[in-house]
PDB file of N, CA and C in Angstrom:
ATOM      1  N   MET A   1       3.657 -31.266  -4.076  1.00  0.00           N
ATOM      2  CA  MET A   1       2.425 -30.527  -4.210  1.00  0.00           C
ATOM      3  C   MET A   1       2.533 -29.179  -3.518  1.00  0.00           C
ATOM      4  N   ILE A   2       2.974 -29.167  -2.281  1.00  0.00           N
ATOM      5  CA  ILE A   2       3.131 -27.899  -1.574  1.00  0.00           C
ATOM      6  C   ILE A   2       4.171 -27.037  -2.264  1.00  0.00           C
ATOM      7  N   ALA A   3       5.255 -27.640  -2.738  1.00  0.00           N
ATOM      8  CA  ALA A   3       6.284 -26.862  -3.422  1.00  0.00           C
ATOM      9  C   ALA A   3       5.694 -26.142  -4.627  1.00  0.00           C
ATOM     10  N   GLY A   4       4.786 -26.769  -5.329  1.00  0.00           N
ATOM     11  CA  GLY A   4       4.140 -26.129  -6.477  1.00  0.00           C
ATOM     12  C   GLY A   4       3.359 -24.892  -6.059  1.00  0.00           C
ATOM     13  N   LEU A   5       2.711 -24.964  -4.888  1.00  0.00           N
ATOM     14  CA  LEU A   5       1.975 -23.814  -4.391  1.00  0.00           C
ATOM     15  C   LEU A   5       2.911 -22.679  -4.025  1.00  0.00           C
ATOM     16  N   VAL A   6       4.036 -23.004  -3.416  1.00  0.00           N
ATOM     17  CA  VAL A   6       5.012 -21.978  -3.056  1.00  0.00           C
ATOM     18  C   VAL A   6       5.558 -21.318  -4.312  1.00  0.00           C
ATOM     19  N   LEU A   7       5.872 -22.110  -5.326  1.00  0.00           N
ATOM     20  CA  LEU A   7       6.398 -21.548  -6.558  1.00  0.00           C
ATOM     21  C   LEU A   7       5.383 -20.646  -7.232  1.00  0.00           C
ATOM     22  N   ALA A   8       4.123 -21.034  -7.224  1.00  0.00           N
ATOM     23  CA  ALA A   8       3.095 -20.195  -7.836  1.00  0.00           C
ATOM     24  C   ALA A   8       2.990 -18.871  -7.094  1.00  0.00           C
ATOM     25  N   SER A   9       3.057 -18.916  -5.777  1.00  0.00           N
ATOM     26  CA  SER A   9       3.004 -17.709  -4.965  1.00  0.00           C
ATOM     27  C   SER A   9       4.217 -16.833  -5.232  1.00  0.00           C
ATOM     28  N   THR A  10       5.391 -17.450  -5.313  1.00  0.00           N
ATOM     29  CA  THR A  10       6.623 -16.717  -5.553  1.00  0.00           C
ATOM     30  C   THR A  10       6.593 -16.069  -6.926  1.00  0.00           C
ATOM     31  N   SER A  11       6.080 -16.764  -7.921  1.00  0.00           N
ATOM     32  CA  SER A  11       6.033 -16.209  -9.265  1.00  0.00           C
ATOM     33  C   SER A  11       5.204 -14.937  -9.305  1.00  0.00           C
ATOM     34  N   GLY A  12       4.098 -14.901  -8.583  1.00  0.00           N
ATOM     35  CA  GLY A  12       3.272 -13.699  -8.532  1.00  0.00           C
ATOM     36  C   GLY A  12       4.028 -12.545  -7.906  1.00  0.00           C
ATOM     37  N   ALA A  13       4.759 -12.806  -6.834  1.00  0.00           N
ATOM     38  CA  ALA A  13       5.533 -11.763  -6.177  1.00  0.00           C
ATOM     39  C   ALA A  13       6.643 -11.277  -7.091  1.00  0.00           C
ATOM     40  N   ALA A  14       7.282 -12.205  -7.794  1.00  0.00           N
ATOM     41  CA  ALA A  14       8.361 -11.814  -8.688  1.00  0.00           C
ATOM     42  C   ALA A  14       7.823 -10.958  -9.827  1.00  0.00           C
ATOM     43  N   ALA A  15       6.646 -11.306 -10.319  1.00  0.00           N
ATOM     44  CA  ALA A  15       6.067 -10.533 -11.412  1.00  0.00           C
ATOM     45  C   ALA A  15       5.759  -9.110 -10.960  1.00  0.00           C
ATOM     46  N   LYS A  16       5.264  -8.948  -9.743  1.00  0.00           N
ATOM     47  CA  LYS A  16       4.994  -7.611  -9.229  1.00  0.00           C
ATOM     48  C   LYS A  16       6.274  -6.801  -9.132  1.00  0.00           C
ATOM     49  N   GLY A  17       7.356  -7.421  -8.624  1.00  0.00           N
ATOM     50  CA  GLY A  17       8.638  -6.743  -8.504  1.00  0.00           C
ATOM     51  C   GLY A  17       9.198  -6.374  -9.863  1.00  0.00           C
ATOM     52  N   ALA A  18       9.023  -7.246 -10.850  1.00  0.00           N
ATOM     53  CA  ALA A  18       9.556  -7.000 -12.180  1.00  0.00           C
ATOM     54  C   ALA A  18       8.851  -5.835 -12.858  1.00  0.00           C
ATOM     55  N   ALA A  19       7.587  -5.582 -12.522  1.00  0.00           N
ATOM     56  CA  ALA A  19       6.830  -4.513 -13.153  1.00  0.00           C
ATOM     57  C   ALA A  19       7.193  -3.143 -12.589  1.00  0.00           C
ATOM     58  N   ALA A  20       7.815  -3.110 -11.419  1.00  0.00           N
ATOM     59  CA  ALA A  20       8.166  -1.842 -10.788  1.00  0.00           C
ATOM     60  C   ALA A  20       9.298  -1.173 -11.558  1.00  0.00           C
ATOM     61  N   VAL A  21       9.293   0.140 -11.551  1.00  0.00           N
ATOM     62  CA  VAL A  21      10.256   0.921 -12.323  1.00  0.00           C
ATOM     63  C   VAL A  21      11.438   1.340 -11.453  1.00  0.00           C
ATOM     64  N   CYS A  22      12.635   1.296 -12.038  1.00  0.00           N
ATOM     65  CA  CYS A  22      13.837   1.815 -11.400  1.00  0.00           C
ATOM     66  C   CYS A  22      14.540   2.722 -12.401  1.00  0.00           C
ATOM     67  N   LYS A  23      15.378   3.583 -11.882  1.00  0.00           N
ATOM     68  CA  LYS A  23      16.133   4.487 -12.746  1.00  0.00           C
ATOM     69  C   LYS A  23      17.630   4.246 -12.663  1.00  0.00           C
ATOM     70  N   ALA A  24      18.088   3.693 -11.537  1.00  0.00           N
ATOM     71  CA  ALA A  24      19.511   3.434 -11.325  1.00  0.00           C
ATOM     72  C   ALA A  24      19.670   2.146 -10.533  1.00  0.00           C
ATOM     73  N   ASP A  25      20.865   1.562 -10.610  1.00  0.00           N
ATOM     74  CA  ASP A  25      21.141   0.337  -9.859  1.00  0.00           C
ATOM     75  C   ASP A  25      20.880   0.526  -8.371  1.00  0.00           C
ATOM     76  N   SER A  26      21.138   1.707  -7.858  1.00  0.00           N
ATOM     77  CA  SER A  26      20.948   1.975  -6.427  1.00  0.00           C
ATOM     78  C   SER A  26      19.482   1.929  -6.015  1.00  0.00           C
ATOM     79  N   ASP A  27      18.564   1.891  -6.965  1.00  0.00           N
ATOM     80  CA  ASP A  27      17.131   1.772  -6.677  1.00  0.00           C
ATOM     81  C   ASP A  27      16.729   0.326  -6.403  1.00  0.00           C
ATOM     82  N   CYS A  28      17.647  -0.623  -6.590  1.00  0.00           N
ATOM     83  CA  CYS A  28      17.331  -2.049  -6.511  1.00  0.00           C
ATOM     84  C   CYS A  28      18.104  -2.737  -5.386  1.00  0.00           C
ATOM     85  N   VAL A  29      17.502  -3.777  -4.814  1.00  0.00           N
ATOM     86  CA  VAL A  29      18.127  -4.579  -3.754  1.00  0.00           C
ATOM     87  C   VAL A  29      17.861  -6.057  -3.984  1.00  0.00           C
ATOM     88  N   LEU A  30      18.723  -6.892  -3.407  1.00  0.00           N
ATOM     89  CA  LEU A  30      18.520  -8.343  -3.415  1.00  0.00           C
ATOM     90  C   LEU A  30      17.748  -8.733  -2.170  1.00  0.00           C
ATOM     91  N   VAL A  31      16.765  -9.610  -2.333  1.00  0.00           N
ATOM     92  CA  VAL A  31      15.966 -10.111  -1.214  1.00  0.00           C
ATOM     93  C   VAL A  31      15.728 -11.604  -1.411  1.00  0.00           C
ATOM     94  N   PRO A  32      15.446 -12.338  -0.329  1.00  0.00           N
ATOM     95  CA  PRO A  32      15.099 -13.757  -0.481  1.00  0.00           C
ATOM     96  C   PRO A  32      13.846 -13.890  -1.357  1.00  0.00           C
ATOM     97  N   ASP A  33      13.827 -14.905  -2.195  1.00  0.00           N
ATOM     98  CA  ASP A  33      12.698 -15.102  -3.109  1.00  0.00           C
ATOM     99  C   ASP A  33      11.584 -15.932  -2.490  1.00  0.00           C
ATOM    100  N   ASP A  34      11.843 -16.545  -1.365  1.00  0.00           N
ATOM    101  CA  ASP A  34      10.823 -17.326  -0.673  1.00  0.00           C
ATOM    102  C   ASP A  34      11.181 -17.352   0.803  1.00  0.00           C
ATOM    103  N   CYS A  35      10.744 -18.324   1.521  1.00  0.00           N
ATOM    104  CA  CYS A  35      10.996 -18.363   2.966  1.00  0.00           C
ATOM    105  C   CYS A  35      12.483 -18.422   3.291  1.00  0.00           C
ATOM    106  N   CYS A  36      13.241 -19.146   2.517  1.00  0.00           N
ATOM    107  CA  CYS A  36      14.666 -19.322   2.796  1.00  0.00           C
ATOM    108  C   CYS A  36      15.499 -18.628   1.720  1.00  0.00           C
ATOM    109  N   GLY A  37      16.492 -17.878   2.154  1.00  0.00           N
ATOM    110  CA  GLY A  37      17.404 -17.221   1.230  1.00  0.00           C
ATOM    111  C   GLY A  37      18.486 -18.175   0.762  1.00  0.00           C
ATOM    112  N   CYS A  38      19.480 -17.639   0.109  1.00  0.00           N
ATOM    113  CA  CYS A  38      20.541 -18.465  -0.469  1.00  0.00           C
ATOM    114  C   CYS A  38      21.336 -19.247   0.570  1.00  0.00           C
ATOM    115  N   THR A  39      21.533 -18.699   1.765  1.00  0.00           N
ATOM    116  CA  THR A  39      22.280 -19.426   2.791  1.00  0.00           C
ATOM    117  C   THR A  39      21.410 -20.435   3.524  1.00  0.00           C
ATOM    118  N   GLY A  40      20.135 -20.512   3.138  1.00  0.00           N
ATOM    119  CA  GLY A  40      19.209 -21.466   3.733  1.00  0.00           C
ATOM    120  C   GLY A  40      18.643 -22.420   2.702  1.00  0.00           C
ATOM    121  N   GLY A  41      19.356 -22.609   1.587  1.00  0.00           N
ATOM    122  CA  GLY A  41      18.923 -23.538   0.552  1.00  0.00           C
ATOM    123  C   GLY A  41      17.883 -22.972  -0.400  1.00  0.00           C
ATOM    124  N   GLY A  42      17.615 -21.664  -0.337  1.00  0.00           N
ATOM    125  CA  GLY A  42      16.591 -21.042  -1.186  1.00  0.00           C
ATOM    126  C   GLY A  42      17.172 -20.318  -2.379  1.00  0.00           C
ATOM    127  N   LYS A  43      16.564 -19.182  -2.700  1.00  0.00           N
ATOM    128  CA  LYS A  43      17.025 -18.379  -3.830  1.00  0.00           C
ATOM    129  C   LYS A  43      16.751 -16.907  -3.538  1.00  0.00           C
ATOM    130  N   GLN A  44      17.156 -16.028  -4.439  1.00  0.00           N
ATOM    131  CA  GLN A  44      16.969 -14.604  -4.243  1.00  0.00           C
ATOM    132  C   GLN A  44      16.423 -13.965  -5.510  1.00  0.00           C
ATOM    133  N   LYS A  45      15.946 -12.731  -5.342  1.00  0.00           N
ATOM    134  CA  LYS A  45      15.429 -11.965  -6.470  1.00  0.00           C
ATOM    135  C   LYS A  45      15.774 -10.500  -6.251  1.00  0.00           C
ATOM    136  N   ALA A  46      15.612  -9.716  -7.279  1.00  0.00           N
ATOM    137  CA  ALA A  46      15.854  -8.278  -7.204  1.00  0.00           C
ATOM    138  C   ALA A  46      14.514  -7.557  -7.133  1.00  0.00           C
ATOM    139  N   LEU A  47      14.446  -6.577  -6.241  1.00  0.00           N
ATOM    140  CA  LEU A  47      13.244  -5.757  -6.074  1.00  0.00           C
ATOM    141  C   LEU A  47      13.642  -4.287  -6.002  1.00  0.00           C
ATOM    142  N   PRO A  48      12.715  -3.407  -6.333  1.00  0.00           N
ATOM    143  CA  PRO A  48      12.975  -1.990  -6.082  1.00  0.00           C
ATOM    144  C   PRO A  48      13.140  -1.781  -4.572  1.00  0.00           C
ATOM    145  N   LYS A  49      14.091  -0.963  -4.190  1.00  0.00           N
ATOM    146  CA  LYS A  49      14.380  -0.705  -2.778  1.00  0.00           C
ATOM    147  C   LYS A  49      13.131  -0.260  -2.025  1.00  0.00           C
ATOM    148  N   LYS A  50      12.264   0.505  -2.679  1.00  0.00           N
ATOM    149  CA  LYS A  50      11.054   1.010  -2.029  1.00  0.00           C
ATOM    150  C   LYS A  50      10.067  -0.112  -1.683  1.00  0.00           C
ATOM    151  N   ASP A  51      10.173  -1.258  -2.319  1.00  0.00           N
ATOM    152  CA  ASP A  51       9.275  -2.385  -2.073  1.00  0.00           C
ATOM    153  C   ASP A  51       9.824  -3.381  -1.053  1.00  0.00           C
ATOM    154  N   ARG A  52      11.057  -3.169  -0.601  1.00  0.00           N
ATOM    155  CA  ARG A  52      11.726  -4.128   0.280  1.00  0.00           C
ATOM    156  C   ARG A  52      10.961  -4.360   1.589  1.00  0.00           C
ATOM    157  N   ALA A  53      10.571  -3.317   2.281  1.00  0.00           N
ATOM    158  CA  ALA A  53       9.924  -3.467   3.593  1.00  0.00           C
ATOM    159  C   ALA A  53       8.614  -4.245   3.486  1.00  0.00           C
ATOM    160  N   GLY A  54       7.793  -3.918   2.507  1.00  0.00           N
ATOM    161  CA  GLY A  54       6.522  -4.625   2.328  1.00  0.00           C
ATOM    162  C   GLY A  54       6.726  -6.076   1.961  1.00  0.00           C
ATOM    163  N   ALA A  55       7.702  -6.339   1.102  1.00  0.00           N
ATOM    164  CA  ALA A  55       7.997  -7.719   0.715  1.00  0.00           C
ATOM    165  C   ALA A  55       8.508  -8.516   1.911  1.00  0.00           C
ATOM    166  N   GLU A  56       9.324  -7.875   2.747  1.00  0.00           N
ATOM    167  CA  GLU A  56       9.853  -8.570   3.927  1.00  0.00           C
ATOM    168  C   GLU A  56       8.749  -8.861   4.934  1.00  0.00           C
ATOM    169  N   ARG A  57       7.845  -7.926   5.137  1.00  0.00           N
ATOM    170  CA  ARG A  57       6.717  -8.167   6.049  1.00  0.00           C
ATOM    171  C   ARG A  57       5.868  -9.332   5.546  1.00  0.00           C
ATOM    172  N   ALA A  58       5.575  -9.339   4.262  1.00  0.00           N
ATOM    173  CA  ALA A  58       4.762 -10.417   3.679  1.00  0.00           C
ATOM    174  C   ALA A  58       5.491 -11.755   3.789  1.00  0.00           C
ATOM    175  N   ARG A  59       6.799 -11.747   3.547  1.00  0.00           N
ATOM    176  CA  ARG A  59       7.587 -12.985   3.635  1.00  0.00           C
ATOM    177  C   ARG A  59       7.591 -13.503   5.066  1.00  0.00           C
ATOM    178  N   GLN A  60       7.781 -12.620   6.037  1.00  0.00           N
ATOM    179  CA  GLN A  60       7.793 -13.056   7.436  1.00  0.00           C
ATOM    180  C   GLN A  60       6.439 -13.626   7.851  1.00  0.00           C
ATOM    181  N   ALA A  61       5.362 -13.023   7.411  1.00  0.00           N
ATOM    182  CA  ALA A  61       4.026 -13.527   7.746  1.00  0.00           C
ATOM    183  C   ALA A  61       3.782 -14.891   7.095  1.00  0.00           C
ATOM    184  N   ARG A  62       4.152 -15.008   5.821  1.00  0.00           N
ATOM    185  CA  ARG A  62       3.939 -16.245   5.068  1.00  0.00           C
ATOM    186  C   ARG A  62       4.825 -17.369   5.585  1.00  0.00           C
ATOM    187  N   CYS A  63       6.003 -17.025   6.094  1.00  0.00           N
ATOM    188  CA  CYS A  63       6.986 -18.044   6.448  1.00  0.00           C
ATOM    189  C   CYS A  63       7.136 -18.251   7.948  1.00  0.00           C
ATOM    190  N   ALA A  64       6.237 -17.685   8.737  1.00  0.00           N
ATOM    191  CA  ALA A  64       6.313 -17.851  10.187  1.00  0.00           C
ATOM    192  C   ALA A  64       6.377 -19.336  10.530  1.00  0.00           C
ATOM    193  N   GLY A  65       7.348 -19.706  11.326  1.00  0.00           N
ATOM    194  CA  GLY A  65       7.486 -21.101  11.735  1.00  0.00           C
ATOM    195  C   GLY A  65       8.268 -21.970  10.764  1.00  0.00           C
ATOM    196  N   THR A  66       8.675 -21.429   9.624  1.00  0.00           N
ATOM    197  CA  THR A  66       9.449 -22.200   8.654  1.00  0.00           C
ATOM    198  C   THR A  66      10.911 -22.231   9.077  1.00  0.00           C
ATOM    199  N   LEU A  67      11.496 -23.396   9.096  1.00  0.00           N
ATOM    200  CA  LEU A  67      12.911 -23.545   9.401  1.00  0.00           C
ATOM    201  C   LEU A  67      13.663 -23.782   8.106  1.00  0.00           C
ATOM    202  N   CYS A  68      14.795 -23.126   7.962  1.00  0.00           N
ATOM    203  CA  CYS A  68      15.610 -23.270   6.751  1.00  0.00           C
ATOM    204  C   CYS A  68      16.889 -24.034   7.080  1.00  0.00           C
ATOM    205  N   ALA A  69      17.296 -24.875   6.160  1.00  0.00           N
ATOM    206  CA  ALA A  69      18.535 -25.626   6.322  1.00  0.00           C
ATOM    207  C   ALA A  69      19.720 -24.665   6.238  1.00  0.00           C
ATOM    208  N   GLU A  70      20.767 -24.944   6.969  1.00  0.00           N
ATOM    209  CA  GLU A  70      21.981 -24.141   6.876  1.00  0.00           C
ATOM    210  C   GLU A  70      22.861 -24.739   5.789  1.00  0.00           C
ATOM    211  N   VAL A  71      22.498 -24.436   4.552  1.00  0.00           N
ATOM    212  CA  VAL A  71      23.225 -24.951   3.402  1.00  0.00           C
ATOM    213  C   VAL A  71      23.148 -23.914   2.283  1.00  0.00           C
ATOM    214  N   MET A  72      24.252 -23.690   1.607  1.00  0.00           N
ATOM    215  CA  MET A  72      24.269 -22.731   0.509  1.00  0.00           C
ATOM    216  C   MET A  72      23.521 -23.323  -0.679  1.00  0.00           C
ATOM    217  N   SER A  73      22.605 -22.563  -1.203  1.00  0.00           N
ATOM    218  CA  SER A  73      21.792 -22.998  -2.328  1.00  0.00           C
ATOM    219  C   SER A  73      22.624 -23.077  -3.604  1.00  0.00           C
ATOM    220  N   GLN A  74      22.243 -23.976  -4.475  1.00  0.00           N
ATOM    221  CA  GLN A  74      22.860 -24.097  -5.791  1.00  0.00           C
ATOM    222  C   GLN A  74      22.014 -23.411  -6.865  1.00  0.00           C
ATOM    223  N   ASP A  75      20.941 -22.714  -6.437  1.00  0.00           N
ATOM    224  CA  ASP A  75      20.087 -22.014  -7.394  1.00  0.00           C
ATOM    225  C   ASP A  75      20.904 -20.947  -8.122  1.00  0.00           C
ATOM    226  N   PRO A  76      20.746 -20.822  -9.440  1.00  0.00           N
ATOM    227  CA  PRO A  76      21.505 -19.828 -10.208  1.00  0.00           C
ATOM    228  C   PRO A  76      21.345 -18.394  -9.696  1.00  0.00           C
ATOM    229  N   SER A  77      20.209 -18.071  -9.096  1.00  0.00           N
ATOM    230  CA  SER A  77      20.005 -16.705  -8.599  1.00  0.00           C
ATOM    231  C   SER A  77      21.002 -16.363  -7.494  1.00  0.00           C
ATOM    232  N   CYS A  78      21.511 -17.364  -6.802  1.00  0.00           N
ATOM    233  CA  CYS A  78      22.432 -17.128  -5.686  1.00  0.00           C
ATOM    234  C   CYS A  78      23.831 -16.747  -6.152  1.00  0.00           C
ATOM    235  N   ALA A  79      24.094 -16.865  -7.436  1.00  0.00           N
ATOM    236  CA  ALA A  79      25.380 -16.422  -7.986  1.00  0.00           C
ATOM    237  C   ALA A  79      25.416 -14.907  -8.142  1.00  0.00           C
ATOM    238  N   ALA A  80      24.262 -14.271  -8.144  1.00  0.00           N
ATOM    239  CA  ALA A  80      24.194 -12.810  -8.283  1.00  0.00           C
ATOM    240  C   ALA A  80      24.713 -12.151  -7.013  1.00  0.00           C
ATOM    241  N   THR A  81      25.529 -11.137  -7.176  1.00  0.00           N
ATOM    242  CA  THR A  81      26.085 -10.420  -6.031  1.00  0.00           C
ATOM    243  C   THR A  81      25.491  -9.026  -5.891  1.00  0.00           C
ATOM    244  N   SER A  82      24.635  -8.653  -6.841  1.00  0.00           N
ATOM    245  CA  SER A  82      24.014  -7.334  -6.783  1.00  0.00           C
ATOM    246  C   SER A  82      22.693  -7.347  -7.546  1.00  0.00           C
ATOM    247  N   ALA A  83      21.920  -6.314  -7.289  1.00  0.00           N
ATOM    248  CA  ALA A  83      20.693  -6.078  -8.045  1.00  0.00           C
ATOM    249  C   ALA A  83      20.968  -4.866  -8.923  1.00  0.00           C
ATOM    250  N   ILE A  84      20.549  -4.936 -10.174  1.00  0.00           N
ATOM    251  CA  ILE A  84      20.787  -3.834 -11.100  1.00  0.00           C
ATOM    252  C   ILE A  84      19.484  -3.391 -11.758  1.00  0.00           C
ATOM    253  N   CYS A  85      19.498  -2.187 -12.257  1.00  0.00           N
ATOM    254  CA  CYS A  85      18.362  -1.652 -13.001  1.00  0.00           C
ATOM    255  C   CYS A  85      18.663  -1.828 -14.482  1.00  0.00           C
ATOM    256  N   LYS A  86      17.859  -2.627 -15.141  1.00  0.00           N
ATOM    257  CA  LYS A  86      18.067  -2.894 -16.567  1.00  0.00           C
ATOM    258  C   LYS A  86      16.762  -2.624 -17.296  1.00  0.00           C
ATOM    259  N   GLU A  87      16.788  -1.685 -18.200  1.00  0.00           N
ATOM    260  CA  GLU A  87      15.615  -1.316 -18.978  1.00  0.00           C
ATOM    261  C   GLU A  87      14.444  -0.952 -18.073  1.00  0.00           C
ATOM    262  N   GLY A  88      14.745  -0.274 -16.954  1.00  0.00           N
ATOM    263  CA  GLY A  88      13.714   0.199 -16.050  1.00  0.00           C
ATOM    264  C   GLY A  88      13.161  -0.831 -15.079  1.00  0.00           C
ATOM    265  N   LYS A  89      13.760  -2.025 -15.026  1.00  0.00           N
ATOM    266  CA  LYS A  89      13.301  -3.081 -14.120  1.00  0.00           C
ATOM    267  C   LYS A  89      14.475  -3.603 -13.303  1.00  0.00           C
ATOM    268  N   CYS A  90      14.217  -3.904 -12.038  1.00  0.00           N
ATOM    269  CA  CYS A  90      15.246  -4.487 -11.178  1.00  0.00           C
ATOM    270  C   CYS A  90      15.446  -5.944 -11.569  1.00  0.00           C
ATOM    271  N   THR A  91      16.716  -6.329 -11.695  1.00  0.00           N
ATOM    272  CA  THR A  91      17.055  -7.682 -12.068  1.00  0.00           C
ATOM    273  C   THR A  91      18.338  -8.091 -11.355  1.00  0.00           C
ATOM    274  N   LEU A  92      18.658  -9.369 -11.394  1.00  0.00           N
ATOM    275  CA  LEU A  92      19.857  -9.870 -10.754  1.00  0.00           C
ATOM    276  C   LEU A  92      21.074  -9.456 -11.569  1.00  0.00           C
ATOM    277  N   GLY A  93      22.095  -8.980 -10.878  1.00  0.00           N
ATOM    278  CA  GLY A  93      23.360  -8.609 -11.527  1.00  0.00           C
ATOM    279  C   GLY A  93      24.443  -9.597 -11.126  1.00  0.00           C
ATOM    280  N   SER A  94      25.620  -9.345 -11.608  1.00  0.00           N
ATOM    281  CA  SER A  94      26.726 -10.256 -11.263  1.00  0.00           C
ATOM    282  C   SER A  94      27.719  -9.602 -10.342  1.00  0.00           C
TER     283      SER A  94
END
């Protein structure tokens, strides 16, 4: 039940990031998609570089007190090694 709430929250954040415009790959960065990143059993997403600080502040506030496992995630997003600009939107690259 709680996981469903986290996913709904994450989907809204991802949608906001997807709507942002980029012009070059250098405009995009990889960030954790929820409280835990790929090395903590979570996943990652691509955001415009200009949105990184605000997203990180929101993530830290939302995830205060959350402990992440020290395990590499098997989520497909963790296979991405870069964020790229594709058709004006930041997305996961290889």
